[in-house]
């Protein structure tokens, strides 16, 4: 029984079939983290731009 378990663990250790999937998932997680981190800068820039546009249009509307 002990040798069966050790042989199974040894086969699992040598098996690299899921390694590519894990690497792609790590890259995806890194891209998602970078996109999330950059959203605050983008959001503040867009908010500033729309505020300026709103104030310019407000002059012409009233």
Foldseek 3Di string as FASTA:
>chain_A
DVVVVVVVVVVVVPDCPCVVVVVVVVVVVVVVVVVVVCVVVVVVVVVVVVVVVVVVVVVVVD
